């Protein structure tokens, strides 16, 4: 029983690690782009309406 459990962990762990590692860079790039968009200053001259 322990051998089956250990072999299952050994076979499943690398697959899970690869799947989760593939998702991390995409999430990081999304957060970076959001931060860049939020940090951009919006310059508006007096008398103009702000359209978003």
PDB file of N, CA and C in Angstrom:
ATOM      1  N   UNK A   1       0.824  -1.200   0.000  1.00  0.00           N
ATOM      2  CA  UNK A   1       0.000   0.000   0.000  1.00  0.00           C
ATOM      3  C   UNK A   1       0.866   1.262   0.000  1.00  0.00           C
ATOM      4  N   UNK A   2       1.909   1.248   0.796  1.00  0.00           N
ATOM      5  CA  UNK A   2       2.783   2.417   0.838  1.00  0.00           C
ATOM      6  C   UNK A   2       3.536   2.590  -0.473  1.00  0.00           C
ATOM      7  N   UNK A   3       3.913   1.475  -1.086  1.00  0.00           N
ATOM      8  CA  UNK A   3       4.633   1.574  -2.367  1.00  0.00           C
ATOM      9  C   UNK A   3       3.748   2.203  -3.430  1.00  0.00           C
ATOM     10  N   UNK A   4       2.497   1.800  -3.469  1.00  0.00           N
ATOM     11  CA  UNK A   4       1.574   2.356  -4.461  1.00  0.00           C
ATOM     12  C   UNK A   4       1.374   3.852  -4.225  1.00  0.00           C
ATOM     13  N   UNK A   5       1.245   4.233  -2.971  1.00  0.00           N
ATOM     14  CA  UNK A   5       1.052   5.646  -2.640  1.00  0.00           C
ATOM     15  C   UNK A   5       2.282   6.465  -3.002  1.00  0.00           C
ATOM     16  N   UNK A   6       3.456   5.959  -2.678  1.00  0.00           N
ATOM     17  CA  UNK A   6       4.694   6.674  -2.990  1.00  0.00           C
ATOM     18  C   UNK A   6       4.911   6.768  -4.496  1.00  0.00           C
ATOM     19  N   UNK A   7       4.630   5.682  -5.201  1.00  0.00           N
ATOM     20  CA  UNK A   7       4.808   5.723  -6.655  1.00  0.00           C
ATOM     21  C   UNK A   7       3.816   6.695  -7.289  1.00  0.00           C
ATOM     22  N   UNK A   8       2.616   6.772  -6.740  1.00  0.00           N
ATOM     23  CA  UNK A   8       1.631   7.727  -7.244  1.00  0.00           C
ATOM     24  C   UNK A   8       2.117   9.158  -7.037  1.00  0.00           C
ATOM     25  N   UNK A   9       2.671   9.436  -5.878  1.00  0.00           N
ATOM     26  CA  UNK A   9       3.201  10.774  -5.600  1.00  0.00           C
ATOM     27  C   UNK A   9       4.354  11.098  -6.542  1.00  0.00           C
ATOM     28  N   UNK A  10       5.237  10.130  -6.754  1.00  0.00           N
ATOM     29  CA  UNK A  10       6.399  10.357  -7.614  1.00  0.00           C
ATOM     30  C   UNK A  10       5.966  10.616  -9.057  1.00  0.00           C
ATOM     31  N   UNK A  11       4.904   9.971  -9.494  1.00  0.00           N
ATOM     32  CA  UNK A  11       4.441  10.164 -10.866  1.00  0.00           C
ATOM     33  C   UNK A  11       3.599  11.433 -11.025  1.00  0.00           C
ATOM     34  N   UNK A  12       2.828  11.775 -10.033  1.00  0.00           N
ATOM     35  CA  UNK A  12       1.907  12.904 -10.149  1.00  0.00           C
ATOM     36  C   UNK A  12       2.595  14.233  -9.831  1.00  0.00           C
ATOM     37  N   UNK A  13       3.519  14.248  -8.894  1.00  0.00           N
ATOM     38  CA  UNK A  13       4.162  15.496  -8.463  1.00  0.00           C
ATOM     39  C   UNK A  13       4.840  16.250  -9.615  1.00  0.00           C
ATOM     40  N   UNK A  14       5.625  15.599 -10.472  1.00  0.00           N
ATOM     41  CA  UNK A  14       6.251  16.346 -11.579  1.00  0.00           C
ATOM     42  C   UNK A  14       5.220  16.932 -12.548  1.00  0.00           C
ATOM     43  N   UNK A  15       4.150  16.206 -12.804  1.00  0.00           N
ATOM     44  CA  UNK A  15       3.122  16.708 -13.714  1.00  0.00           C
ATOM     45  C   UNK A  15       2.450  17.946 -13.129  1.00  0.00           C
ATOM     46  N   UNK A  16       2.152  17.900 -11.847  1.00  0.00           N
ATOM     47  CA  UNK A  16       1.529  19.053 -11.187  1.00  0.00           C
ATOM     48  C   UNK A  16       2.501  20.226 -11.168  1.00  0.00           C
ATOM     49  N   UNK A  17       3.771  19.950 -10.920  1.00  0.00           N
ATOM     50  CA  UNK A  17       4.772  21.020 -10.883  1.00  0.00           C
ATOM     51  C   UNK A  17       4.901  21.686 -12.255  1.00  0.00           C
ATOM     52  N   UNK A  18       4.871  20.892 -13.313  1.00  0.00           N
ATOM     53  CA  UNK A  18       4.976  21.459 -14.659  1.00  0.00           C
ATOM     54  C   UNK A  18       3.742  22.288 -15.008  1.00  0.00           C
ATOM     55  N   UNK A  19       2.575  21.809 -14.620  1.00  0.00           N
ATOM     56  CA  UNK A  19       1.349  22.550 -14.925  1.00  0.00           C
ATOM     57  C   UNK A  19       1.306  23.879 -14.177  1.00  0.00           C
ATOM     58  N   UNK A  20       1.685  23.861 -12.917  1.00  0.00           N
ATOM     59  CA  UNK A  20       1.633  25.102 -12.141  1.00  0.00           C
ATOM     60  C   UNK A  20       2.759  26.044 -12.549  1.00  0.00           C
ATOM     61  N   UNK A  21       3.907  25.516 -12.940  1.00  0.00           N
ATOM     62  CA  UNK A  21       5.022  26.371 -13.352  1.00  0.00           C
ATOM     63  C   UNK A  21       4.697  27.077 -14.667  1.00  0.00           C
ATOM     64  N   UNK A  22       3.915  26.441 -15.521  1.00  0.00           N
ATOM     65  CA  UNK A  22       3.534  27.053 -16.783  1.00  0.00           C
ATOM     66  C   UNK A  22       2.583  28.217 -16.608  1.00  0.00           C
ATOM     67  N   UNK A  23       1.844  28.234 -15.517  1.00  0.00           N
ATOM     68  CA  UNK A  23       0.863  29.300 -15.293  1.00  0.00           C
ATOM     69  C   UNK A  23       1.482  30.535 -14.650  1.00  0.00           C
ATOM     70  N   UNK A  24       2.547  30.379 -13.927  1.00  0.00           N
ATOM     71  CA  UNK A  24       3.114  31.494 -13.171  1.00  0.00           C
ATOM     72  C   UNK A  24       3.557  32.678 -14.043  1.00  0.00           C
ATOM     73  N   UNK A  25       4.298  32.481 -15.132  1.00  0.00           N
ATOM     74  CA  UNK A  25       4.747  33.643 -15.917  1.00  0.00           C
ATOM     75  C   UNK A  25       3.581  34.454 -16.486  1.00  0.00           C
ATOM     76  N   UNK A  26       2.497  33.787 -16.884  1.00  0.00           N
ATOM     77  CA  UNK A  26       1.356  34.511 -17.429  1.00  0.00           C
ATOM     78  C   UNK A  26       0.739  35.411 -16.369  1.00  0.00           C
ATOM     79  N   UNK A  27       0.606  34.886 -15.163  1.00  0.00           N
ATOM     80  CA  UNK A  27       0.013  35.676 -14.084  1.00  0.00           C
ATOM     81  C   UNK A  27       0.910  36.861 -13.762  1.00  0.00           C
ATOM     82  N   UNK A  28       2.205  36.645 -13.748  1.00  0.00           N
ATOM     83  CA  UNK A  28       3.132  37.730 -13.433  1.00  0.00           C
ATOM     84  C   UNK A  28       3.066  38.830 -14.487  1.00  0.00           C
ATOM     85  N   UNK A  29       2.976  38.464 -15.763  1.00  0.00           N
ATOM     86  CA  UNK A  29       2.927  39.483 -16.806  1.00  0.00           C
ATOM     87  C   UNK A  29       1.632  40.279 -16.711  1.00  0.00           C
ATOM     88  N   UNK A  30       0.547  39.635 -16.342  1.00  0.00           N
ATOM     89  CA  UNK A  30      -0.722  40.348 -16.194  1.00  0.00           C
ATOM     90  C   UNK A  30      -0.611  41.353 -15.066  1.00  0.00           C
ATOM     91  N   UNK A  31      -0.031  40.949 -13.940  1.00  0.00           N
ATOM     92  CA  UNK A  31       0.112  41.869 -12.813  1.00  0.00           C
ATOM     93  C   UNK A  31       1.039  43.027 -13.176  1.00  0.00           C
ATOM     94  N   UNK A  32       2.088  42.754 -13.911  1.00  0.00           N
ATOM     95  CA  UNK A  32       3.013  43.826 -14.303  1.00  0.00           C
ATOM     96  C   UNK A  32       2.313  44.839 -15.196  1.00  0.00           C
ATOM     97  N   UNK A  33       1.530  44.370 -16.157  1.00  0.00           N
ATOM     98  CA  UNK A  33       0.853  45.301 -17.057  1.00  0.00           C
ATOM     99  C   UNK A  33      -0.184  46.123 -16.298  1.00  0.00           C
ATOM    100  N   UNK A  34      -0.855  45.525 -15.320  1.00  0.00           N
ATOM    101  CA  UNK A  34      -1.827  46.280 -14.533  1.00  0.00           C
ATOM    102  C   UNK A  34      -1.123  47.356 -13.723  1.00  0.00           C
ATOM    103  N   UNK A  35       0.008  47.027 -13.161  1.00  0.00           N
ATOM    104  CA  UNK A  35       0.744  48.004 -12.364  1.00  0.00           C
ATOM    105  C   UNK A  35       1.222  49.160 -13.237  1.00  0.00           C
ATOM    106  N   UNK A  36       1.649  48.846 -14.446  1.00  0.00           N
ATOM    107  CA  UNK A  36       2.115  49.898 -15.351  1.00  0.00           C
ATOM    108  C   UNK A  36       0.947  50.815 -15.717  1.00  0.00           C
ATOM    109  N   UNK A  37      -0.209  50.222 -16.003  1.00  0.00           N
ATOM    110  CA  UNK A  37      -1.367  51.034 -16.360  1.00  0.00           C
ATOM    111  C   UNK A  37      -1.800  51.917 -15.196  1.00  0.00           C
ATOM    112  N   UNK A  38      -1.745  51.384 -13.979  1.00  0.00           N
ATOM    113  CA  UNK A  38      -2.179  52.162 -12.824  1.00  0.00           C
ATOM    114  C   UNK A  38      -1.198  53.288 -12.508  1.00  0.00           C
ATOM    115  N   UNK A  39       0.075  53.092 -12.807  1.00  0.00           N
ATOM    116  CA  UNK A  39       1.072  54.080 -12.422  1.00  0.00           C
ATOM    117  C   UNK A  39       1.205  55.224 -13.431  1.00  0.00           C
ATOM    118  N   UNK A  40       0.568  55.099 -14.603  1.00  0.00           N
ATOM    119  CA  UNK A  40       0.670  56.164 -15.599  1.00  0.00           C
ATOM    120  C   UNK A  40      -0.119  57.388 -15.139  1.00  0.00           C
ATOM    121  N   UNK A  41       0.506  58.554 -15.128  1.00  0.00           N
ATOM    122  CA  UNK A  41      -0.229  59.765 -14.731  1.00  0.00           C
ATOM    123  C   UNK A  41      -1.176  60.214 -15.839  1.00  0.00           C
ATOM    124  N   UNK A  42      -2.336  60.676 -15.449  1.00  0.00           N
ATOM    125  CA  UNK A  42      -3.305  61.172 -16.430  1.00  0.00           C
ATOM    126  C   UNK A  42      -3.275  62.694 -16.393  1.00  0.00           C
ATOM    127  N   UNK A  43      -2.823  63.275 -17.476  1.00  0.00           N
ATOM    128  CA  UNK A  43      -2.745  64.737 -17.527  1.00  0.00           C
ATOM    129  C   UNK A  43      -3.975  65.270 -18.247  1.00  0.00           C
ATOM    130  N   UNK A  44      -4.668  66.158 -17.586  1.00  0.00           N
ATOM    131  CA  UNK A  44      -5.869  66.757 -18.167  1.00  0.00           C
ATOM    132  C   UNK A  44      -5.743  68.265 -18.047  1.00  0.00           C
ATOM    133  N   UNK A  45      -5.913  68.946 -19.167  1.00  0.00           N
ATOM    134  CA  UNK A  45      -5.851  70.409 -19.107  1.00  0.00           C
ATOM    135  C   UNK A  45      -7.188  70.941 -18.588  1.00  0.00           C
ATOM    136  N   UNK A  46      -7.175  72.092 -17.959  1.00  0.00           N
ATOM    137  CA  UNK A  46      -8.410  72.633 -17.363  1.00  0.00           C
ATOM    138  C   UNK A  46      -9.487  72.875 -18.408  1.00  0.00           C
ATOM    139  N   UNK A  47     -10.718  72.523 -18.051  1.00  0.00           N
ATOM    140  CA  UNK A  47     -11.835  72.762 -18.951  1.00  0.00           C
ATOM    141  C   UNK A  47     -12.190  71.573 -19.820  1.00  0.00           C
ATOM    142  N   UNK A  48     -11.371  70.532 -19.841  1.00  0.00           N
ATOM    143  CA  UNK A  48     -11.677  69.359 -20.655  1.00  0.00           C
ATOM    144  C   UNK A  48     -12.292  68.270 -19.780  1.00  0.00           C
ATOM    145  N   UNK A  49     -13.254  67.552 -20.366  1.00  0.00           N
ATOM    146  CA  UNK A  49     -13.867  66.449 -19.642  1.00  0.00           C
ATOM    147  C   UNK A  49     -12.989  65.213 -19.768  1.00  0.00           C
ATOM    148  N   UNK A  50     -12.934  64.434 -18.711  1.00  0.00           N
ATOM    149  CA  UNK A  50     -12.144  63.205 -18.721  1.00  0.00           C
ATOM    150  C   UNK A  50     -13.027  62.087 -19.230  1.00  0.00           C
ATOM    151  N   UNK A  51     -12.623  61.458 -20.335  1.00  0.00           N
ATOM    152  CA  UNK A  51     -13.373  60.346 -20.908  1.00  0.00           C
ATOM    153  C   UNK A  51     -12.564  59.079 -20.698  1.00  0.00           C
ATOM    154  N   UNK A  52     -13.179  58.112 -19.995  1.00  0.00           N
ATOM    155  CA  UNK A  52     -12.451  56.855 -19.732  1.00  0.00           C
ATOM    156  C   UNK A  52     -13.091  55.718 -20.476  1.00  0.00           C
TER     157      UNK A  52
END
